[in-house]
């Protein structure tokens, strides 16, 4: 994608930041069981942070609003964001709640069990965003997910909509959505599970995906992109559905593939690309990410996407 003739619109991401603490073991522990000999490592995560990092690596000017604890995980996250070139002027520190963490155990068959402590993420409130209204004012596109309180997502969407900003919602994890939020969205990007949660339509093929997208459009969303994993993505706009196929790769780890897709999609839209062009670019970026292990570590850089496929 040639960016020499495109403008650099400002992107705002509002969302979560977690630290993933992973132990690989021979098997998952039974209640009361202690397993020795595991391998431990930590990864930065959280859907908001993953998307902000993906945007920064793809050349998008991005500001990230989140809330972390005033602890070592929060300090490490802030440093990482700054190293990635993300504007951290509105990263809030919570003196009462710890940073969000996910405790993940993975067995030798790659099965896992995960417990998430949302911590400060659950305390990112409308009162915080009221202090960051300047960031919304300066943004052209606003990207959000659902790992922070719904009242905060609704608050931001309402303000951004009133100011004429393009609001993009990645409705993950799956959650029913209020009607007023849907009416304030420029674009929604659910996967099959999330689209079914919102519309009640079970997605089994391109036709049922198109039906779910049509219902989302009738609920007030301007544009819909339903991600279909290895099949690609379905775009629904102006009453028409169109598929953008995924690129065929040997997947190693699909963690954060959806986050990379959403980050790349937003970057392409910020450069004035059409929905179809943006979805193609996002499919390329997410295809690269699944060939790598980890969440933020799998996000590709712009030059890698430009020469891929």
Protein backbone atom coordinates (compact mmCIF):
# COMPACT_ATOMS: atom_id res chain seq x y z
CA UNK A 1 0.00 0.00 0.00
CA UNK A 2 1.54 3.27 -1.13
CA UNK A 3 1.18 5.95 1.54
CA UNK A 4 3.01 8.77 -0.23
CA UNK A 5 -0.21 10.37 -1.49
CA UNK A 6 -2.34 9.70 1.58
CA UNK A 7 -3.07 11.88 4.59
CA UNK A 8 -2.25 10.82 8.13
CA UNK A 9 -5.49 11.07 10.07
CA UNK A 10 -5.23 10.78 13.84
CA UNK A 11 -6.36 7.53 15.50
CA UNK A 12 -7.54 7.14 19.09
CA UNK A 13 -7.74 3.71 20.75
CA UNK A 14 -9.71 3.36 24.00
CA UNK A 15 -9.39 -0.01 25.68
CA UNK A 16 -7.64 -2.51 27.89
CA UNK A 17 -4.05 -3.26 28.82
CA UNK A 18 -3.10 -6.57 30.44
CA UNK A 19 -0.01 -8.56 31.27
CA UNK A 20 -0.31 -12.23 30.26
CA UNK A 21 1.50 -14.59 32.64
CA UNK A 22 1.86 -17.98 30.98
CA UNK A 23 3.03 -21.32 32.36
CA UNK A 24 3.57 -24.23 29.99
CA UNK A 25 3.20 -27.60 31.73
CA UNK A 26 2.77 -31.26 30.80
CA UNK A 27 -0.93 -31.14 31.69
CA UNK A 28 -3.47 -28.79 33.20
CA UNK A 29 -3.61 -29.13 36.99
CA UNK A 30 -6.59 -30.78 38.65
CA UNK A 31 -8.15 -29.06 41.69
CA UNK A 32 -5.63 -29.18 44.54
CA UNK A 33 -2.80 -30.45 42.31
CA UNK A 34 0.65 -28.83 42.12
CA UNK A 35 2.72 -29.42 38.98
CA UNK A 36 6.48 -28.88 38.97
CA UNK A 37 8.71 -28.31 35.97
CA UNK A 38 6.67 -25.74 34.09
CA UNK A 39 8.12 -22.99 31.88
CA UNK A 40 7.10 -19.40 32.67
CA UNK A 41 7.04 -16.30 30.49
CA UNK A 42 5.21 -12.98 30.39
CA UNK A 43 3.67 -11.19 27.41
CA UNK A 44 2.09 -7.76 27.16
CA UNK A 45 -1.57 -8.10 26.12
CA UNK A 46 -5.06 -6.68 26.39
CA UNK A 47 -7.16 -6.06 23.27
CA UNK A 48 -6.81 -2.28 23.41
CA UNK A 49 -3.06 -2.40 23.83
CA UNK A 50 -2.70 -5.04 21.11
CA UNK A 51 -4.61 -2.87 18.65
CA UNK A 52 -2.71 0.30 19.57
CA UNK A 53 0.63 -1.48 19.05
CA UNK A 54 -0.53 -2.90 15.71
CA UNK A 55 -1.53 0.61 14.56
CA UNK A 56 1.79 2.14 15.64
CA UNK A 57 3.83 -0.54 13.86
CA UNK A 58 1.83 0.03 10.67
CA UNK A 59 2.58 3.75 10.71
CA UNK A 60 -0.65 5.11 12.16
CA UNK A 61 -0.43 8.17 14.44
CA UNK A 62 -2.12 6.71 17.53
CA UNK A 63 -3.09 7.86 21.01
CA UNK A 64 -4.04 5.18 23.55
CA UNK A 65 -6.39 5.73 26.48
CA UNK A 66 -6.34 3.01 29.12
CA UNK A 67 -5.95 2.61 32.87
CA UNK A 68 -3.20 0.62 34.58
CA UNK A 69 -2.27 0.11 38.21
CA UNK A 70 0.53 2.06 39.84
CA UNK A 71 2.59 -1.15 39.94
CA UNK A 72 5.45 -2.72 38.01
CA UNK A 73 3.10 -4.08 35.31
CA UNK A 74 1.64 -0.63 34.74
CA UNK A 75 5.09 0.98 34.55
CA UNK A 76 6.30 -1.69 32.11
CA UNK A 77 3.24 -1.19 29.91
CA UNK A 78 3.74 2.58 29.80
CA UNK A 79 7.38 2.10 28.79
CA UNK A 80 6.45 -0.39 26.07
CA UNK A 81 3.81 1.93 24.60
CA UNK A 82 6.31 4.79 24.46
CA UNK A 83 8.91 2.57 22.80
CA UNK A 84 6.33 1.68 20.12
CA UNK A 85 5.73 5.38 19.42
CA UNK A 86 2.24 5.51 20.96
CA UNK A 87 1.04 8.78 22.51
CA UNK A 88 0.58 7.92 26.21
CA UNK A 89 -0.61 11.33 27.42
CA UNK A 90 -3.93 9.80 28.48
CA UNK A 91 -2.78 6.55 30.08
CA UNK A 92 -4.35 6.80 33.52
CA UNK A 93 -2.82 5.32 36.67
CA UNK A 94 -5.10 3.74 39.26
CA UNK A 95 -3.83 4.00 42.83
CA UNK A 96 -6.49 1.63 44.18
CA UNK A 97 -6.58 -1.24 41.66
CA UNK A 98 -3.74 -3.34 40.21
CA UNK A 99 -2.98 -3.57 36.51
CA UNK A 100 -4.96 -6.14 34.58
CA UNK A 101 -3.41 -9.60 34.40
CA UNK A 102 -4.27 -12.91 32.77
CA UNK A 103 -3.02 -16.17 34.31
CA UNK A 104 -2.71 -18.76 31.56
CA UNK A 105 -1.77 -22.43 31.85
CA UNK A 106 -0.99 -24.28 28.62
CA UNK A 107 -0.50 -28.05 28.34
CA UNK A 108 1.61 -30.00 25.83
CA UNK A 109 -1.41 -30.34 23.49
CA UNK A 110 -1.81 -26.51 23.42
CA UNK A 111 -5.02 -26.70 25.47
CA UNK A 112 -5.24 -23.87 27.97
CA UNK A 113 -7.16 -22.49 30.92
CA UNK A 114 -7.23 -18.75 31.55
CA UNK A 115 -8.27 -16.56 34.45
CA UNK A 116 -8.36 -12.80 33.89
CA UNK A 117 -8.27 -10.21 36.66
CA UNK A 118 -9.38 -7.01 34.93
CA UNK A 119 -8.05 -4.79 37.71
CA UNK A 120 -7.71 -1.16 36.63
CA UNK A 121 -9.31 -1.91 33.23
CA UNK A 122 -12.67 -2.28 34.98
CA UNK A 123 -12.16 1.15 36.55
CA UNK A 124 -11.67 3.10 33.31
CA UNK A 125 -14.78 5.23 33.74
CA UNK A 126 -16.61 8.01 31.90
CA UNK A 127 -15.18 10.45 34.47
CA UNK A 128 -11.70 9.56 33.18
CA UNK A 129 -12.72 10.04 29.57
CA UNK A 130 -14.25 13.40 30.42
CA UNK A 131 -10.68 14.47 31.25
CA UNK A 132 -9.53 13.20 27.86
CA UNK A 133 -12.11 14.93 25.69
CA UNK A 134 -9.30 16.78 23.90
CA UNK A 135 -7.98 13.43 22.65
CA UNK A 136 -11.40 12.62 21.18
CA UNK A 137 -11.56 16.10 19.65
CA UNK A 138 -8.18 15.65 17.95
CA UNK A 139 -8.91 12.15 16.61
CA UNK A 140 -10.40 11.37 13.21
CA UNK A 141 -11.11 7.72 13.99
CA UNK A 142 -11.86 6.13 17.37
CA UNK A 143 -11.33 2.38 17.85
CA UNK A 144 -12.74 0.52 20.86
CA UNK A 145 -13.36 -3.01 22.18
CA UNK A 146 -15.32 -4.44 25.14
CA UNK A 147 -12.69 -5.21 27.80
CA UNK A 148 -13.50 -1.95 29.61
CA UNK A 149 -16.90 -0.99 31.11
CA UNK A 150 -19.80 -0.72 28.64
CA UNK A 151 -20.76 2.66 30.11
CA UNK A 152 -17.33 3.97 29.09
CA UNK A 153 -17.63 2.62 25.54
CA UNK A 154 -21.08 4.22 25.22
CA UNK A 155 -19.81 7.53 26.64
CA UNK A 156 -16.92 7.73 24.18
CA UNK A 157 -19.04 6.65 21.22
CA UNK A 158 -21.66 9.30 22.00
CA UNK A 159 -19.14 12.14 22.32
CA UNK A 160 -17.18 11.05 19.23
CA UNK A 161 -20.40 10.72 17.20
CA UNK A 162 -21.51 14.21 18.25
CA UNK A 163 -18.14 15.56 17.15
CA UNK A 164 -18.42 13.87 13.76
CA UNK A 165 -15.70 11.28 14.36
CA UNK A 166 -15.72 7.79 12.83
CA UNK A 167 -16.29 5.27 15.64
CA UNK A 168 -15.13 1.70 15.02
CA UNK A 169 -16.16 -0.99 17.50
CA UNK A 170 -14.57 -4.42 17.70
CA UNK A 171 -17.28 -6.02 19.91
CA UNK A 172 -14.97 -8.46 21.68
CA UNK A 173 -15.38 -10.32 23.91
CA UNK A 174 -18.93 -11.17 22.80
CA UNK A 175 -21.56 -9.09 24.57
CA UNK A 176 -25.08 -7.84 23.83
CA UNK A 177 -24.97 -4.21 22.67
CA UNK A 178 -27.38 -1.37 23.54
CA UNK A 179 -29.27 0.25 20.67
CA UNK A 180 -27.85 3.74 21.29
CA UNK A 181 -24.29 2.44 20.94
CA UNK A 182 -25.02 0.75 17.61
CA UNK A 183 -26.52 3.96 16.21
CA UNK A 184 -23.30 5.85 16.98
CA UNK A 185 -21.01 3.46 15.06
CA UNK A 186 -19.40 4.11 11.71
CA UNK A 187 -18.21 0.49 11.56
CA UNK A 188 -18.56 -2.68 13.61
CA UNK A 189 -16.19 -5.66 13.22
CA UNK A 190 -17.53 -8.78 14.97
CA UNK A 191 -16.38 -12.33 14.37
CA UNK A 192 -18.97 -15.10 13.89
CA UNK A 193 -19.59 -15.63 17.62
CA UNK A 194 -19.93 -11.93 18.35
CA UNK A 195 -22.21 -11.32 15.38
CA UNK A 196 -24.47 -14.17 16.55
CA UNK A 197 -24.56 -12.74 20.09
CA UNK A 198 -25.76 -9.36 18.76
CA UNK A 199 -28.14 -10.49 15.99
CA UNK A 200 -29.26 -14.00 16.97
CA UNK A 201 -28.20 -15.32 13.54
CA UNK A 202 -25.98 -18.43 13.68
CA UNK A 203 -23.27 -17.96 11.08
CA UNK A 204 -22.38 -21.11 9.14
CA UNK A 205 -21.56 -19.72 5.70
CA UNK A 206 -21.32 -16.57 3.61
CA UNK A 207 -25.10 -16.31 3.24
CA UNK A 208 -25.82 -16.39 6.99
CA UNK A 209 -22.97 -13.93 7.57
CA UNK A 210 -24.62 -11.61 5.07
CA UNK A 211 -27.93 -11.92 6.90
CA UNK A 212 -26.31 -11.08 10.25
CA UNK A 213 -24.56 -8.10 8.66
CA UNK A 214 -27.86 -6.88 7.18
CA UNK A 215 -29.50 -7.01 10.61
CA UNK A 216 -26.60 -5.06 12.14
CA UNK A 217 -27.06 -2.43 9.44
CA UNK A 218 -30.78 -2.23 10.23
CA UNK A 219 -29.87 -1.64 13.90
CA UNK A 220 -28.21 1.60 12.85
CA UNK A 221 -24.55 0.76 12.16
CA UNK A 222 -23.31 2.46 8.98
CA UNK A 223 -20.93 -0.31 7.83
CA UNK A 224 -20.28 -3.90 8.91
CA UNK A 225 -17.27 -6.20 8.52
CA UNK A 226 -17.69 -9.72 9.90
CA UNK A 227 -14.39 -11.58 10.24
CA UNK A 228 -14.60 -15.25 9.28
CA UNK A 229 -11.19 -16.58 10.29
CA UNK A 230 -9.41 -18.50 7.56
CA UNK A 231 -12.23 -17.67 5.10
CA UNK A 232 -11.53 -13.94 5.23
CA UNK A 233 -14.00 -11.15 5.94
CA UNK A 234 -17.48 -10.17 4.77
CA UNK A 235 -18.11 -6.47 4.09
CA UNK A 236 -21.64 -5.11 4.20
CA UNK A 237 -22.16 -1.53 3.03
CA UNK A 238 -24.96 0.32 1.23
CA UNK A 239 -27.10 -2.81 1.23
CA UNK A 240 -24.50 -4.98 -0.50
CA UNK A 241 -22.34 -7.82 0.83
CA UNK A 242 -18.91 -8.74 -0.52
CA UNK A 243 -16.27 -11.23 0.58
CA UNK A 244 -12.57 -10.42 0.95
CA UNK A 245 -10.67 -13.74 1.06
CA UNK A 246 -7.99 -14.48 3.62
CA UNK A 247 -4.43 -15.22 2.53
CA UNK A 248 -3.36 -18.83 2.93
CA UNK A 249 -0.56 -19.27 5.48
CA UNK A 250 0.64 -21.93 7.91
CA UNK A 251 -0.82 -20.73 11.21
CA UNK A 252 1.29 -21.15 14.33
CA UNK A 253 -0.61 -19.04 16.88
CA UNK A 254 -3.86 -17.13 16.26
CA UNK A 255 -3.56 -15.06 19.44
CA UNK A 256 -4.36 -11.39 18.70
CA UNK A 257 -4.99 -12.02 14.99
CA UNK A 258 -8.30 -10.19 15.37
CA UNK A 259 -6.58 -7.29 17.12
CA UNK A 260 -4.02 -6.98 14.33
CA UNK A 261 -6.87 -7.09 11.79
CA UNK A 262 -8.67 -4.23 13.52
CA UNK A 263 -5.53 -2.15 13.95
CA UNK A 264 -4.57 -2.58 10.30
CA UNK A 265 -8.12 -1.89 9.13
CA UNK A 266 -8.18 1.39 11.06
CA UNK A 267 -4.81 2.47 9.69
CA UNK A 268 -5.93 1.85 6.11
CA UNK A 269 -9.20 3.74 6.66
CA UNK A 270 -7.25 6.63 8.20
CA UNK A 271 -5.34 6.86 4.92
CA UNK A 272 -8.53 7.25 2.89
CA UNK A 273 -8.76 3.68 1.60
CA UNK A 274 -12.12 2.13 0.76
CA UNK A 275 -13.61 -0.50 3.05
CA UNK A 276 -12.62 -3.23 0.59
CA UNK A 277 -9.02 -1.98 0.27
CA UNK A 278 -8.79 -1.60 4.04
CA UNK A 279 -10.11 -5.14 4.60
CA UNK A 280 -7.56 -6.54 2.14
CA UNK A 281 -4.75 -4.74 3.97
CA UNK A 282 -6.07 -6.01 7.31
CA UNK A 283 -6.26 -9.59 6.01
CA UNK A 284 -2.61 -9.37 4.96
CA UNK A 285 -1.51 -8.03 8.37
CA UNK A 286 -3.46 -10.66 10.31
CA UNK A 287 -2.14 -13.44 8.03
CA UNK A 288 1.40 -12.44 8.97
CA UNK A 289 0.50 -12.32 12.68
CA UNK A 290 -0.75 -15.92 12.83
CA UNK A 291 2.63 -17.19 11.61
CA UNK A 292 4.19 -15.84 14.83
CA UNK A 293 3.83 -16.68 18.51
CA UNK A 294 2.37 -14.21 20.99
CA UNK A 295 0.02 -11.23 21.05
CA UNK A 296 1.73 -7.86 20.55
CA UNK A 297 4.95 -9.59 19.52
CA UNK A 298 3.15 -11.01 16.46
CA UNK A 299 2.04 -7.62 15.09
CA UNK A 300 3.86 -6.91 11.79
CA UNK A 301 5.58 -3.70 10.72
CA UNK A 302 4.42 -1.69 7.72
CA UNK A 303 7.18 -2.74 5.35
CA UNK A 304 6.39 -6.41 6.04
CA UNK A 305 2.73 -5.97 5.09
CA UNK A 306 3.51 -3.87 2.01
CA UNK A 307 5.65 -6.64 0.49
CA UNK A 308 3.47 -9.55 1.62
CA UNK A 309 1.15 -11.52 -0.66
